[in-house]
Amino acid sequence: MNRVCLVGRLTAKPELRYTSSNVPYARFTLAVNRTFSNAQGERGTDFISIIIWRRQAENVANYLDKGSQVSIEGRIQTGNYTAQDGTKRYTTDVVADSVQFLESKKQSEARGANATPYDFENAPEPEPSNDVNVEDDPFADFGDNVAIDDNFLD
């Protein structure tokens, strides 16, 4: 089974492009903190290349920016190519099936630079609210549930 689940922050604004048959895709790098510390108590960070396709690629490019926190679900894909100097290069990417927008850079800065990381495991259940701004939530006017048929993405 080839499944990947990641939570991290974008290192730069996603780059939206189109294939020769006009299929949109976006590439970006996700900075993911390691769960363990080294001998000096410092945590390392992995920088993971992400690619996403079709409508989700357009949404990622339109709504995310450098520093945005996201959750990614997808699969690892490896490849190789021959560089201009004749050497063989190997690539590893995560092809995202799903991207969940967690927190923007602006929201993170509003929490304050010295705030402790959010404890998702012990967080209280959010209170339901009907005063959602459509500019903050592009899906706010769809009601409580948003259902997308898998065939729509093909």
Protein backbone atom coordinates (compact mmCIF):
# COMPACT_ATOMS: atom_id res chain seq x y z
CA MET A 1 0.00 0.00 0.00
CA ASN A 2 1.37 3.41 -0.99
CA ARG A 3 -0.32 6.08 1.19
CA VAL A 4 1.12 9.26 2.67
CA CYS A 5 -0.39 11.66 5.23
CA LEU A 6 1.49 14.89 5.96
CA VAL A 7 0.88 18.11 7.86
CA GLY A 8 3.18 21.04 7.18
CA ARG A 9 3.59 24.55 5.81
CA LEU A 10 4.19 25.70 2.25
CA THR A 11 7.68 27.07 1.63
CA ALA A 12 6.47 29.26 -1.27
CA LYS A 13 3.33 30.09 -3.23
CA PRO A 14 2.22 27.07 -5.33
CA GLU A 15 3.08 27.21 -9.01
CA LEU A 16 0.08 26.51 -11.29
CA ARG A 17 0.76 25.14 -14.77
CA TYR A 18 -1.14 23.32 -17.50
CA THR A 19 -0.27 20.22 -19.51
CA SER A 20 -0.34 20.30 -23.32
CA SER A 21 -3.93 18.96 -23.09
CA ASN A 22 -4.86 21.86 -20.75
CA VAL A 23 -5.03 19.83 -17.50
CA PRO A 24 -4.08 22.04 -14.53
CA TYR A 25 -1.47 20.94 -12.00
CA ALA A 26 0.38 22.69 -9.21
CA ARG A 27 3.71 22.03 -7.55
CA PHE A 28 4.89 23.22 -4.16
CA THR A 29 7.21 22.20 -1.36
CA LEU A 30 5.88 21.30 2.07
CA ALA A 31 8.02 21.81 5.19
CA VAL A 32 7.20 19.04 7.68
CA ASN A 33 8.68 19.10 11.18
CA ARG A 34 10.13 15.85 12.47
CA THR A 35 8.59 14.39 15.62
CA PHE A 36 11.92 13.81 17.39
CA SER A 37 14.72 16.09 18.57
CA ASN A 38 18.47 15.71 18.09
CA ALA A 39 21.01 15.70 20.94
CA GLN A 40 20.85 19.52 21.13
CA GLY A 41 17.04 19.44 21.50
CA GLU A 42 16.44 20.79 17.98
CA ARG A 43 13.84 19.37 15.64
CA GLY A 44 14.70 18.79 12.02
CA THR A 45 12.48 19.61 9.08
CA ASP A 46 11.90 17.66 5.87
CA PHE A 47 11.12 19.51 2.64
CA ILE A 48 8.80 17.38 0.53
CA SER A 49 7.89 18.00 -3.11
CA ILE A 50 4.12 17.90 -3.72
CA ILE A 51 2.18 17.79 -6.98
CA ILE A 52 -1.59 18.07 -7.25
CA TRP A 53 -3.89 17.89 -10.28
CA ARG A 54 -7.05 19.36 -11.76
CA ARG A 55 -9.50 21.52 -9.77
CA GLN A 56 -7.66 21.01 -6.49
CA ALA A 57 -4.52 22.39 -8.16
CA GLU A 58 -6.40 25.56 -9.09
CA ASN A 59 -7.80 25.89 -5.55
CA VAL A 60 -4.35 25.41 -4.01
CA ALA A 61 -2.85 28.02 -6.33
CA ASN A 62 -5.67 30.51 -5.68
CA TYR A 63 -6.06 30.17 -1.91
CA LEU A 64 -2.68 29.12 -0.47
CA ASP A 65 0.49 31.11 -0.02
CA LYS A 66 3.89 30.77 1.57
CA GLY A 67 3.44 29.72 5.21
CA SER A 68 -0.06 28.25 4.81
CA GLN A 69 -0.53 25.10 6.90
CA VAL A 70 -2.12 22.15 5.12
CA SER A 71 -2.81 18.47 5.51
CA ILE A 72 -1.93 16.33 2.50
CA GLU A 73 -3.07 12.80 1.66
CA GLY A 74 -1.64 11.05 -1.35
CA ARG A 75 0.95 8.61 -2.63
CA ILE A 76 4.69 8.58 -3.25
CA GLN A 77 5.81 8.60 -6.86
CA THR A 78 9.41 8.13 -7.97
CA GLY A 79 10.96 8.87 -11.33
CA ASN A 80 14.22 9.60 -13.08
CA TYR A 81 15.62 11.62 -15.94
CA THR A 82 18.95 12.37 -17.59
CA ALA A 83 20.29 15.84 -16.81
CA GLN A 84 21.94 18.09 -19.40
CA ASP A 85 25.36 17.00 -18.13
CA GLY A 86 24.47 13.35 -18.87
CA THR A 87 24.05 12.22 -15.26
CA LYS A 88 20.99 10.29 -14.21
CA ARG A 89 18.82 12.10 -11.63
CA TYR A 90 16.17 10.54 -9.42
CA THR A 91 13.01 12.25 -8.17
CA THR A 92 10.56 11.57 -5.35
CA ASP A 93 7.25 13.43 -5.14
CA VAL A 94 4.03 13.07 -3.21
CA VAL A 95 1.08 13.10 -5.61
CA ALA A 96 -1.71 14.61 -3.49
CA ASP A 97 -5.20 13.18 -3.68
CA SER A 98 -6.52 15.55 -1.03
CA VAL A 99 -5.40 18.88 0.45
CA GLN A 100 -7.08 20.26 3.55
CA PHE A 101 -6.49 23.96 4.31
CA LEU A 102 -5.64 24.19 8.03
CA GLU A 103 -4.25 27.64 8.76
CA SER A 104 -3.06 30.62 6.77
CA LYS A 105 0.16 32.47 7.50
CA LYS A 106 -1.94 35.46 8.64
CA GLN A 107 -3.81 33.27 11.17
CA SER A 108 -0.53 31.87 12.43
CA GLU A 109 0.94 35.36 12.91
CA ALA A 110 -2.24 36.45 14.71
CA ARG A 111 -1.69 33.67 17.26
CA GLY A 112 1.67 35.25 18.04
CA ALA A 113 5.22 34.17 17.44
CA ASN A 114 5.61 32.85 21.01
CA ALA A 115 2.40 30.81 21.09
CA THR A 116 2.69 27.10 21.74
CA PRO A 117 1.71 24.72 18.91
CA TYR A 118 -1.98 23.85 18.74
CA ASP A 119 -2.83 20.59 20.52
CA PHE A 120 -5.16 18.86 18.05
CA GLU A 121 -5.55 15.72 20.18
CA ASN A 122 -6.86 17.58 23.25
CA ALA A 123 -8.68 20.42 21.52
CA PRO A 124 -12.32 21.08 22.44
CA GLU A 125 -14.98 20.46 19.83
CA PRO A 126 -15.62 23.65 17.84
CA GLU A 127 -18.88 25.47 18.44
CA PRO A 128 -21.11 25.57 15.35
CA SER A 129 -21.30 29.01 13.80
CA ASN A 130 -23.51 30.42 11.09
CA ASP A 131 -21.61 33.69 10.61
CA VAL A 132 -18.95 32.46 8.18
CA ASN A 133 -17.53 34.97 5.74
CA VAL A 134 -17.50 33.58 2.17
CA GLU A 135 -14.19 35.38 1.54
CA ASP A 136 -12.61 33.37 4.41
CA ASP A 137 -14.30 30.11 3.44
CA PRO A 138 -14.83 29.56 -0.31
CA PHE A 139 -17.26 26.70 0.46
CA ALA A 140 -19.39 28.58 3.02
CA ASP A 141 -22.35 29.05 0.69
CA PHE A 142 -22.59 25.30 -0.07
CA GLY A 143 -24.26 24.47 3.28
CA ASP A 144 -23.09 21.93 5.85
CA ASN A 145 -21.78 19.26 3.46
CA VAL A 146 -19.81 19.47 0.25
CA ALA A 147 -19.92 16.29 -1.82
CA ILE A 148 -17.80 15.83 -4.91
CA ASP A 149 -18.29 12.78 -7.07
CA ASP A 150 -14.98 10.98 -7.75
CA ASN A 151 -15.90 10.81 -11.45
CA PHE A 152 -15.85 14.62 -11.53
CA LEU A 153 -12.06 14.55 -11.12
CA ASP A 154 -11.41 12.24 -14.07
